[in-house]
Amino acid sequence: MLQHYHDTDDREDSKGSPILFNAVVTWFRVYQVPFDHRVADVLCTVAMALHFDGLGERQITDHLIRKFNGPMSTMATAASSLAYH
């Protein structure tokens, strides 16, 4: 479905920072919105939890894109962002 946004699945990659960064940046590109620190914080929190559970970049990115369909969707439950997991 969203595979055209990804070159490879980095599940095997032990470096979480590039995976999280790429997943969040891809979300901003997909929804064509300017970078917002508050939105990025919500997305990063969820992405970290997913990565901790063993998901790779592709799965994390797909989850963020499906779960948060635009910046407004991150506002409703920003205080309980881990509830998305």
PDB file of N, CA and C in Angstrom:
ATOM      1  N   MET A   1       0.817  -1.183   0.000  1.00  0.00           N
ATOM      2  CA  MET A   1       0.000   0.000   0.000  1.00  0.00           C
ATOM      3  C   MET A   1       0.864   1.251   0.000  1.00  0.00           C
ATOM      4  N   LEU A   2       1.730   1.434   0.994  1.00  0.00           N
ATOM      5  CA  LEU A   2       2.573   2.617   1.057  1.00  0.00           C
ATOM      6  C   LEU A   2       4.023   2.279   0.763  1.00  0.00           C
ATOM      7  N   GLN A   3       4.249   1.166   0.116  1.00  0.00           N
ATOM      8  CA  GLN A   3       5.614   0.699  -0.092  1.00  0.00           C
ATOM      9  C   GLN A   3       6.442   1.617  -0.954  1.00  0.00           C
ATOM     10  N   HIS A   4       5.816   2.421  -1.787  1.00  0.00           N
ATOM     11  CA  HIS A   4       6.603   3.294  -2.645  1.00  0.00           C
ATOM     12  C   HIS A   4       7.327   4.388  -1.863  1.00  0.00           C
ATOM     13  N   TYR A   5       7.070   4.542  -0.576  1.00  0.00           N
ATOM     14  CA  TYR A   5       7.772   5.506   0.245  1.00  0.00           C
ATOM     15  C   TYR A   5       9.059   4.942   0.821  1.00  0.00           C
ATOM     16  N   HIS A   6       9.290   3.647   0.630  1.00  0.00           N
ATOM     17  CA  HIS A   6      10.404   2.976   1.292  1.00  0.00           C
ATOM     18  C   HIS A   6      11.274   2.233   0.289  1.00  0.00           C
ATOM     19  N   ASP A   7      12.563   2.325   0.515  1.00  0.00           N
ATOM     20  CA  ASP A   7      13.488   1.561  -0.315  1.00  0.00           C
ATOM     21  C   ASP A   7      13.712   0.168   0.267  1.00  0.00           C
ATOM     22  N   THR A   8      13.920   0.106   1.573  1.00  0.00           N
ATOM     23  CA  THR A   8      14.174  -1.171   2.228  1.00  0.00           C
ATOM     24  C   THR A   8      13.522  -1.178   3.590  1.00  0.00           C
ATOM     25  N   ASP A   9      13.412  -2.353   4.156  1.00  0.00           N
ATOM     26  CA  ASP A   9      12.911  -2.495   5.515  1.00  0.00           C
ATOM     27  C   ASP A   9      14.108  -2.612   6.432  1.00  0.00           C
ATOM     28  N   ASP A  10      14.247  -1.693   7.370  1.00  0.00           N
ATOM     29  CA  ASP A  10      15.427  -1.641   8.225  1.00  0.00           C
ATOM     30  C   ASP A  10      15.213  -2.325   9.568  1.00  0.00           C
ATOM     31  N   ARG A  11      14.385  -3.341   9.628  1.00  0.00           N
ATOM     32  CA  ARG A  11      14.128  -4.020  10.887  1.00  0.00           C
ATOM     33  C   ARG A  11      15.418  -4.544  11.512  1.00  0.00           C
ATOM     34  N   GLU A  12      16.354  -4.951  10.707  1.00  0.00           N
ATOM     35  CA  GLU A  12      17.607  -5.506  11.196  1.00  0.00           C
ATOM     36  C   GLU A  12      18.555  -4.426  11.706  1.00  0.00           C
ATOM     37  N   ASP A  13      18.316  -3.177  11.349  1.00  0.00           N
ATOM     38  CA  ASP A  13      19.203  -2.077  11.713  1.00  0.00           C
ATOM     39  C   ASP A  13      19.105  -1.801  13.210  1.00  0.00           C
ATOM     40  N   SER A  14      20.242  -1.783  13.894  1.00  0.00           N
ATOM     41  CA  SER A  14      20.241  -1.549  15.328  1.00  0.00           C
ATOM     42  C   SER A  14      20.330  -0.069  15.678  1.00  0.00           C
ATOM     43  N   LYS A  15      20.460   0.791  14.704  1.00  0.00           N
ATOM     44  CA  LYS A  15      20.558   2.226  14.953  1.00  0.00           C
ATOM     45  C   LYS A  15      19.160   2.825  14.852  1.00  0.00           C
ATOM     46  N   GLY A  16      18.539   3.082  15.992  1.00  0.00           N
ATOM     47  CA  GLY A  16      17.166   3.554  16.026  1.00  0.00           C
ATOM     48  C   GLY A  16      16.978   4.973  15.548  1.00  0.00           C
ATOM     49  N   SER A  17      17.960   5.850  15.781  1.00  0.00           N
ATOM     50  CA  SER A  17      17.772   7.260  15.450  1.00  0.00           C
ATOM     51  C   SER A  17      17.478   7.514  13.983  1.00  0.00           C
ATOM     52  N   PRO A  18      18.247   6.966  13.046  1.00  0.00           N
ATOM     53  CA  PRO A  18      17.918   7.207  11.635  1.00  0.00           C
ATOM     54  C   PRO A  18      16.556   6.635  11.255  1.00  0.00           C
ATOM     55  N   ILE A  19      16.194   5.513  11.830  1.00  0.00           N
ATOM     56  CA  ILE A  19      14.897   4.901  11.534  1.00  0.00           C
ATOM     57  C   ILE A  19      13.777   5.821  11.993  1.00  0.00           C
ATOM     58  N   LEU A  20      13.875   6.319  13.212  1.00  0.00           N
ATOM     59  CA  LEU A  20      12.841   7.200  13.751  1.00  0.00           C
ATOM     60  C   LEU A  20      12.790   8.509  12.975  1.00  0.00           C
ATOM     61  N   PHE A  21      13.960   9.063  12.709  1.00  0.00           N
ATOM     62  CA  PHE A  21      14.035  10.313  11.951  1.00  0.00           C
ATOM     63  C   PHE A  21      13.383  10.150  10.579  1.00  0.00           C
ATOM     64  N   ASN A  22      13.755   9.100   9.865  1.00  0.00           N
ATOM     65  CA  ASN A  22      13.212   8.882   8.527  1.00  0.00           C
ATOM     66  C   ASN A  22      11.707   8.666   8.551  1.00  0.00           C
ATOM     67  N   ALA A  23      11.214   7.936   9.537  1.00  0.00           N
ATOM     68  CA  ALA A  23       9.778   7.686   9.641  1.00  0.00           C
ATOM     69  C   ALA A  23       9.014   8.987   9.857  1.00  0.00           C
ATOM     70  N   VAL A  24       9.517   9.827  10.748  1.00  0.00           N
ATOM     71  CA  VAL A  24       8.835  11.089  11.045  1.00  0.00           C
ATOM     72  C   VAL A  24       8.929  12.051   9.865  1.00  0.00           C
ATOM     73  N   VAL A  25      10.096  12.157   9.251  1.00  0.00           N
ATOM     74  CA  VAL A  25      10.264  13.044   8.097  1.00  0.00           C
ATOM     75  C   VAL A  25       9.363  12.591   6.943  1.00  0.00           C
ATOM     76  N   THR A  26       9.262  11.299   6.728  1.00  0.00           N
ATOM     77  CA  THR A  26       8.388  10.784   5.672  1.00  0.00           C
ATOM     78  C   THR A  26       6.942  11.164   5.948  1.00  0.00           C
ATOM     79  N   TRP A  27       6.519  11.093   7.212  1.00  0.00           N
ATOM     80  CA  TRP A  27       5.146  11.495   7.566  1.00  0.00           C
ATOM     81  C   TRP A  27       4.904  12.941   7.149  1.00  0.00           C
ATOM     82  N   PHE A  28       5.844  13.845   7.477  1.00  0.00           N
ATOM     83  CA  PHE A  28       5.689  15.254   7.109  1.00  0.00           C
ATOM     84  C   PHE A  28       5.639  15.428   5.594  1.00  0.00           C
ATOM     85  N   ARG A  29       6.423  14.653   4.870  1.00  0.00           N
ATOM     86  CA  ARG A  29       6.417  14.737   3.405  1.00  0.00           C
ATOM     87  C   ARG A  29       5.105  14.233   2.813  1.00  0.00           C
ATOM     88  N   VAL A  30       4.606  13.128   3.347  1.00  0.00           N
ATOM     89  CA  VAL A  30       3.359  12.552   2.826  1.00  0.00           C
ATOM     90  C   VAL A  30       2.205  13.541   2.983  1.00  0.00           C
ATOM     91  N   TYR A  31       2.107  14.155   4.156  1.00  0.00           N
ATOM     92  CA  TYR A  31       1.012  15.086   4.403  1.00  0.00           C
ATOM     93  C   TYR A  31       1.333  16.513   3.982  1.00  0.00           C
ATOM     94  N   GLN A  32       2.515  16.742   3.463  1.00  0.00           N
ATOM     95  CA  GLN A  32       2.930  18.029   2.902  1.00  0.00           C
ATOM     96  C   GLN A  32       2.650  19.187   3.864  1.00  0.00           C
ATOM     97  N   VAL A  33       3.096  19.006   5.100  1.00  0.00           N
ATOM     98  CA  VAL A  33       2.928  20.054   6.111  1.00  0.00           C
ATOM     99  C   VAL A  33       4.307  20.506   6.577  1.00  0.00           C
ATOM    100  N   PRO A  34       4.420  21.772   6.968  1.00  0.00           N
ATOM    101  CA  PRO A  34       5.704  22.247   7.480  1.00  0.00           C
ATOM    102  C   PRO A  34       6.034  21.583   8.813  1.00  0.00           C
ATOM    103  N   PHE A  35       7.311  21.497   9.096  1.00  0.00           N
ATOM    104  CA  PHE A  35       7.756  20.865  10.331  1.00  0.00           C
ATOM    105  C   PHE A  35       7.196  21.604  11.535  1.00  0.00           C
ATOM    106  N   ASP A  36       6.730  20.851  12.514  1.00  0.00           N
ATOM    107  CA  ASP A  36       6.186  21.392  13.756  1.00  0.00           C
ATOM    108  C   ASP A  36       6.740  20.546  14.900  1.00  0.00           C
ATOM    109  N   HIS A  37       7.390  21.179  15.853  1.00  0.00           N
ATOM    110  CA  HIS A  37       8.038  20.445  16.942  1.00  0.00           C
ATOM    111  C   HIS A  37       7.045  19.649  17.780  1.00  0.00           C
ATOM    112  N   ARG A  38       5.878  20.213  18.045  1.00  0.00           N
ATOM    113  CA  ARG A  38       4.895  19.517  18.858  1.00  0.00           C
ATOM    114  C   ARG A  38       4.398  18.259  18.163  1.00  0.00           C
ATOM    115  N   VAL A  39       4.113  18.367  16.885  1.00  0.00           N
ATOM    116  CA  VAL A  39       3.668  17.209  16.105  1.00  0.00           C
ATOM    117  C   VAL A  39       4.795  16.175  16.045  1.00  0.00           C
ATOM    118  N   ALA A  40       6.010  16.637  15.800  1.00  0.00           N
ATOM    119  CA  ALA A  40       7.157  15.721  15.730  1.00  0.00           C
ATOM    120  C   ALA A  40       7.360  14.991  17.049  1.00  0.00           C
ATOM    121  N   ASP A  41       7.147  15.678  18.175  1.00  0.00           N
ATOM    122  CA  ASP A  41       7.282  15.021  19.483  1.00  0.00           C
ATOM    123  C   ASP A  41       6.299  13.877  19.643  1.00  0.00           C
ATOM    124  N   VAL A  42       5.067  14.100  19.238  1.00  0.00           N
ATOM    125  CA  VAL A  42       4.050  13.043  19.326  1.00  0.00           C
ATOM    126  C   VAL A  42       4.445  11.872  18.440  1.00  0.00           C
ATOM    127  N   LEU A  43       4.814  12.177  17.197  1.00  0.00           N
ATOM    128  CA  LEU A  43       5.186  11.122  16.254  1.00  0.00           C
ATOM    129  C   LEU A  43       6.415  10.355  16.737  1.00  0.00           C
ATOM    130  N   CYS A  44       7.404  11.075  17.270  1.00  0.00           N
ATOM    131  CA  CYS A  44       8.623  10.413  17.759  1.00  0.00           C
ATOM    132  C   CYS A  44       8.342   9.506  18.950  1.00  0.00           C
ATOM    133  N   THR A  45       7.467   9.939  19.835  1.00  0.00           N
ATOM    134  CA  THR A  45       7.125   9.121  20.996  1.00  0.00           C
ATOM    135  C   THR A  45       6.505   7.799  20.554  1.00  0.00           C
ATOM    136  N   VAL A  46       5.588   7.883  19.616  1.00  0.00           N
ATOM    137  CA  VAL A  46       4.950   6.668  19.111  1.00  0.00           C
ATOM    138  C   VAL A  46       5.959   5.819  18.346  1.00  0.00           C
ATOM    139  N   ALA A  47       6.781   6.470  17.521  1.00  0.00           N
ATOM    140  CA  ALA A  47       7.783   5.742  16.739  1.00  0.00           C
ATOM    141  C   ALA A  47       8.779   5.019  17.644  1.00  0.00           C
ATOM    142  N   MET A  48       9.178   5.649  18.744  1.00  0.00           N
ATOM    143  CA  MET A  48      10.116   4.998  19.669  1.00  0.00           C
ATOM    144  C   MET A  48       9.497   3.753  20.293  1.00  0.00           C
ATOM    145  N   ALA A  49       8.240   3.845  20.676  1.00  0.00           N
ATOM    146  CA  ALA A  49       7.572   2.686  21.271  1.00  0.00           C
ATOM    147  C   ALA A  49       7.475   1.546  20.267  1.00  0.00           C
ATOM    148  N   LEU A  50       7.158   1.873  19.024  1.00  0.00           N
ATOM    149  CA  LEU A  50       7.057   0.846  17.989  1.00  0.00           C
ATOM    150  C   LEU A  50       8.417   0.224  17.695  1.00  0.00           C
ATOM    151  N   HIS A  51       9.456   1.051  17.660  1.00  0.00           N
ATOM    152  CA  HIS A  51      10.808   0.545  17.405  1.00  0.00           C
ATOM    153  C   HIS A  51      11.265  -0.354  18.560  1.00  0.00           C
ATOM    154  N   PHE A  52      10.938   0.042  19.775  1.00  0.00           N
ATOM    155  CA  PHE A  52      11.286  -0.762  20.942  1.00  0.00           C
ATOM    156  C   PHE A  52      10.633  -2.147  20.859  1.00  0.00           C
ATOM    157  N   ASP A  53       9.448  -2.200  20.260  1.00  0.00           N
ATOM    158  CA  ASP A  53       8.740  -3.476  20.086  1.00  0.00           C
ATOM    159  C   ASP A  53       9.284  -4.292  18.917  1.00  0.00           C
ATOM    160  N   GLY A  54      10.280  -3.767  18.220  1.00  0.00           N
ATOM    161  CA  GLY A  54      10.924  -4.526  17.163  1.00  0.00           C
ATOM    162  C   GLY A  54      10.488  -4.207  15.748  1.00  0.00           C
ATOM    163  N   LEU A  55       9.666  -3.188  15.566  1.00  0.00           N
ATOM    164  CA  LEU A  55       9.251  -2.832  14.219  1.00  0.00           C
ATOM    165  C   LEU A  55      10.367  -2.092  13.494  1.00  0.00           C
ATOM    166  N   GLY A  56      10.424  -2.269  12.186  1.00  0.00           N
ATOM    167  CA  GLY A  56      11.414  -1.596  11.359  1.00  0.00           C
ATOM    168  C   GLY A  56      10.877  -0.289  10.802  1.00  0.00           C
ATOM    169  N   GLU A  57      11.701   0.378  10.044  1.00  0.00           N
ATOM    170  CA  GLU A  57      11.353   1.699   9.511  1.00  0.00           C
ATOM    171  C   GLU A  57      10.068   1.665   8.697  1.00  0.00           C
ATOM    172  N   ARG A  58       9.941   0.705   7.827  1.00  0.00           N
ATOM    173  CA  ARG A  58       8.749   0.625   6.974  1.00  0.00           C
ATOM    174  C   ARG A  58       7.484   0.478   7.805  1.00  0.00           C
ATOM    175  N   GLN A  59       7.514  -0.414   8.780  1.00  0.00           N
ATOM    176  CA  GLN A  59       6.326  -0.639   9.600  1.00  0.00           C
ATOM    177  C   GLN A  59       5.996   0.589  10.455  1.00  0.00           C
ATOM    178  N   ILE A  60       7.017   1.228  10.986  1.00  0.00           N
ATOM    179  CA  ILE A  60       6.799   2.429  11.797  1.00  0.00           C
ATOM    180  C   ILE A  60       6.212   3.541  10.946  1.00  0.00           C
ATOM    181  N   THR A  61       6.802   3.767   9.792  1.00  0.00           N
ATOM    182  CA  THR A  61       6.321   4.824   8.902  1.00  0.00           C
ATOM    183  C   THR A  61       4.885   4.566   8.481  1.00  0.00           C
ATOM    184  N   ASP A  62       4.592   3.343   8.079  1.00  0.00           N
ATOM    185  CA  ASP A  62       3.233   3.004   7.671  1.00  0.00           C
ATOM    186  C   ASP A  62       2.243   3.229   8.809  1.00  0.00           C
ATOM    187  N   HIS A  63       2.635   2.845  10.015  1.00  0.00           N
ATOM    188  CA  HIS A  63       1.767   3.033  11.174  1.00  0.00           C
ATOM    189  C   HIS A  63       1.494   4.519  11.405  1.00  0.00           C
ATOM    190  N   LEU A  64       2.537   5.344  11.367  1.00  0.00           N
ATOM    191  CA  LEU A  64       2.356   6.779  11.584  1.00  0.00           C
ATOM    192  C   LEU A  64       1.444   7.384  10.536  1.00  0.00           C
ATOM    193  N   ILE A  65       1.633   6.993   9.282  1.00  0.00           N
ATOM    194  CA  ILE A  65       0.830   7.548   8.191  1.00  0.00           C
ATOM    195  C   ILE A  65      -0.632   7.126   8.324  1.00  0.00           C
ATOM    196  N   ARG A  66      -0.859   5.878   8.678  1.00  0.00           N
ATOM    197  CA  ARG A  66      -2.242   5.394   8.825  1.00  0.00           C
ATOM    198  C   ARG A  66      -2.918   5.966  10.068  1.00  0.00           C
ATOM    199  N   LYS A  67      -2.199   6.027  11.172  1.00  0.00           N
ATOM    200  CA  LYS A  67      -2.789   6.416  12.450  1.00  0.00           C
ATOM    201  C   LYS A  67      -2.987   7.921  12.569  1.00  0.00           C
ATOM    202  N   PHE A  68      -2.049   8.680  12.056  1.00  0.00           N
ATOM    203  CA  PHE A  68      -2.112  10.137  12.153  1.00  0.00           C
ATOM    204  C   PHE A  68      -2.297  10.723  10.761  1.00  0.00           C
ATOM    205  N   ASN A  69      -3.533  10.908  10.369  1.00  0.00           N
ATOM    206  CA  ASN A  69      -3.778  11.407   9.018  1.00  0.00           C
ATOM    207  C   ASN A  69      -3.871  12.935   9.005  1.00  0.00           C
ATOM    208  N   GLY A  70      -2.732  13.542   9.246  1.00  0.00           N
ATOM    209  CA  GLY A  70      -2.605  14.985   9.234  1.00  0.00           C
ATOM    210  C   GLY A  70      -2.262  15.516  10.609  1.00  0.00           C
ATOM    211  N   PRO A  71      -1.785  16.764  10.676  1.00  0.00           N
ATOM    212  CA  PRO A  71      -1.332  17.325  11.943  1.00  0.00           C
ATOM    213  C   PRO A  71      -2.438  17.450  12.990  1.00  0.00           C
ATOM    214  N   MET A  72      -3.656  17.671  12.585  1.00  0.00           N
ATOM    215  CA  MET A  72      -4.747  17.808  13.547  1.00  0.00           C
ATOM    216  C   MET A  72      -4.972  16.515  14.325  1.00  0.00           C
ATOM    217  N   SER A  73      -4.676  15.392  13.725  1.00  0.00           N
ATOM    218  CA  SER A  73      -4.901  14.111  14.406  1.00  0.00           C
ATOM    219  C   SER A  73      -3.918  13.891  15.550  1.00  0.00           C
ATOM    220  N   THR A  74      -2.828  14.641  15.584  1.00  0.00           N
ATOM    221  CA  THR A  74      -1.871  14.502  16.684  1.00  0.00           C
ATOM    222  C   THR A  74      -2.266  15.364  17.871  1.00  0.00           C
ATOM    223  N   MET A  75      -3.171  16.293  17.685  1.00  0.00           N
ATOM    224  CA  MET A  75      -3.555  17.209  18.756  1.00  0.00           C
ATOM    225  C   MET A  75      -4.550  16.596  19.734  1.00  0.00           C
ATOM    226  N   ALA A  76      -5.425  15.776  19.256  1.00  0.00           N
ATOM    227  CA  ALA A  76      -6.507  15.265  20.086  1.00  0.00           C
ATOM    228  C   ALA A  76      -6.009  14.507  21.309  1.00  0.00           C
ATOM    229  N   THR A  77      -4.920  13.770  21.142  1.00  0.00           N
ATOM    230  CA  THR A  77      -4.459  12.945  22.251  1.00  0.00           C
ATOM    231  C   THR A  77      -2.954  13.065  22.459  1.00  0.00           C
ATOM    232  N   ALA A  78      -2.434  14.243  22.250  1.00  0.00           N
ATOM    233  CA  ALA A  78      -0.995  14.437  22.389  1.00  0.00           C
ATOM    234  C   ALA A  78      -0.503  14.046  23.778  1.00  0.00           C
ATOM    235  N   ALA A  79      -1.300  14.299  24.799  1.00  0.00           N
ATOM    236  CA  ALA A  79      -0.865  13.985  26.162  1.00  0.00           C
ATOM    237  C   ALA A  79      -0.797  12.484  26.399  1.00  0.00           C
ATOM    238  N   SER A  80      -1.549  11.727  25.628  1.00  0.00           N
ATOM    239  CA  SER A  80      -1.541  10.274  25.813  1.00  0.00           C
ATOM    240  C   SER A  80      -1.104   9.572  24.537  1.00  0.00           C
ATOM    241  N   SER A  81      -0.054  10.090  23.928  1.00  0.00           N
ATOM    242  CA  SER A  81       0.382   9.574  22.637  1.00  0.00           C
ATOM    243  C   SER A  81       0.745   8.105  22.661  1.00  0.00           C
ATOM    244  N   LEU A  82       1.181   7.587  23.795  1.00  0.00           N
ATOM    245  CA  LEU A  82       1.517   6.164  23.852  1.00  0.00           C
ATOM    246  C   LEU A  82       0.292   5.288  23.770  1.00  0.00           C
ATOM    247  N   ALA A  83      -0.885   5.873  23.941  1.00  0.00           N
ATOM    248  CA  ALA A  83      -2.115   5.103  23.829  1.00  0.00           C
ATOM    249  C   ALA A  83      -2.326   4.617  22.397  1.00  0.00           C
ATOM    250  N   TYR A  84      -1.650   5.223  21.434  1.00  0.00           N
ATOM    251  CA  TYR A  84      -1.768   4.804  20.045  1.00  0.00           C
ATOM    252  C   TYR A  84      -1.139   3.444  19.828  1.00  0.00           C
ATOM    253  N   HIS A  85      -0.219   3.102  20.681  1.00  0.00           N
ATOM    254  CA  HIS A  85       0.513   1.866  20.541  1.00  0.00           C
ATOM    255  C   HIS A  85      -0.304   0.729  21.007  1.00  0.00           C
TER     256      HIS A  85
END
